[in-house]
Amino acid sequence: MGTSRIMFSGFVILVLLAVVPSCVGEIRQSEIRDDNRQMIMFERFGFDRNGKINITIKNVNVRMVTEDQSQRDLDLLGFFLSTEEDLIAVLVETEEQMSQTCVLKNSQIRTLFTLKEVGSKTFTRSLGPPNANEYTLFFANCLRNSVVSMDVRTAMYNLEGRTNTPDYLPAGETQLPKLFFSFFVIYSVLLGVWIYVCIKQKDTVHRIHILMGILVFFKALNLLAEATEKSYIKKTGLAHGWDIAFYVFGFLRGVMLFTVIVLIGTGWSFLKPYLQDKEKKVLMVVIPLQVFANVANAVIGETGPSTKDFFTWKQVFLLLDIICCCAVLFPIVWSIKHLREASHTDGKAARNVVKLTLFRHYYIVVVSYIYFTRIVVFALTTVTVYHYRWTSDLAEELASLAFYVFTGYKFRPVVHNPYFVLDDEEEQETLTQDQLKDDEFDL
């Protein structure tokens, strides 16, 4: 086949691998139907020294698009394992030497078997990776003008302990069930504290405080579902239905999170009991986008990278997430602008200045939270050794916890919250400080 086509496919996969996290390693069934892709990614998994791979192939059918059957060489179609570094080296070498050699013939990658060995019968192969490392399982089609159909079952796992118990989570993610359950306990405690504060200060509780409590509730359930899902996958390779609970609670948590940020950013229930038309439009944009993004995320989780539209859905999800993150900032900017103008026109200037300062701080915290969870965590996942991949999840959960605690503390329902009360002695000092800082804060 043409070198440029296989190289292009390889480089596209390498680029997209950067935005696709390591697969959870569950037992996966994949159906390939009349597929002409030169390279298909199946699974990415972190192996230790006792790693194993089980692959079962059946219903194989290779069809030539043209009528010429003389070039039908099944040795040019097969499965191979490769690290990201080795695949890059192979593609670079192919480009420099203008080689027409099939990637399956390259010594830098490990070819597992070709379709010539499989034939038309059910074929099962069990083997171990060359070394303890993170490998990706690919199918390569170097046969020009051919399409492939087959059913593929993959299971990757590491053997643990003296009993060699299979662990279907990649090395570096096997700690995730305990991690997520620990954060579930923390959020459950925070929910209890929040309910206690709301009951104790019931005279100052606003409707937004109830929504904030519901958000923490869904966040805790989402963590519990994720911890249980990962625990079942770790032991059996299958989610046993907990993936559905994870998607449902993740969907509710995502919608509630952006809704609460928008409502707090508009000052709803604090500054005013209603929303303006432009603020309603933000909600009307953010909520449907979150719904669609969560549906896309569920589709990604159920299909796997071997499907043709996997990377398209992944890019759509990332784009929608970025749009939602940008949209939630506008209400906070509008509130800051409104409070800045009000601080110079009405008789409650000092109180408006305090509110202005609070919204400035909240704006900075929201931006920092979005930047950290979308960019820093991604960078951490990319540069971290695969054995410590769990640290990126830890960093993301710690950032989320800090954001929830900050938001709850600053907008808590207490009588003497500085957001609502300002002593007369502080009024002139606050006004003076605001005049000095007013030009320094550039939205």
Foldseek 3Di string as FASTA:
>chain_A
DQLVQLLVLLVVVLVLVLVDFFFFQFKDKAWFDQADRQKFWFGKFFEAAQKKKKKKKAQKDKDFQDPDCPQVDQQQKAKWKDDSVLSVVVSVVCVVVVDLDRPLPDPSIGTDDTVVVVDHHIDMDMDGDPHRAIMIMMIGHSRPRMTITIMMIMGMFGQDDPVRQTFSGHQQCLCLLVVLLVVLVVLVVVLVVLVVLCVVLVVQDFPLSVLLSVLSVLSSQLSNLVSLQSVCCRRRSGSVPSVVSNLVSVLVNQLSVLVSLLCVLLCDRNPDVDDDPVSVVLNVLLNVLSNLLSVLVSVLSRHGRRDPCNSVSSVSSLVSVVVSLVSSLVSLVVLLVVLVVVLPPDPPNQLSLLLNVLSLVLSVLSVVLCCCLSPVLSVCCNPDGSNNNCVSVVSNSVSVVVNSVVVCVQPPRDDPRSNHDDDPVCRVVSVVVCVVCVVVDDD
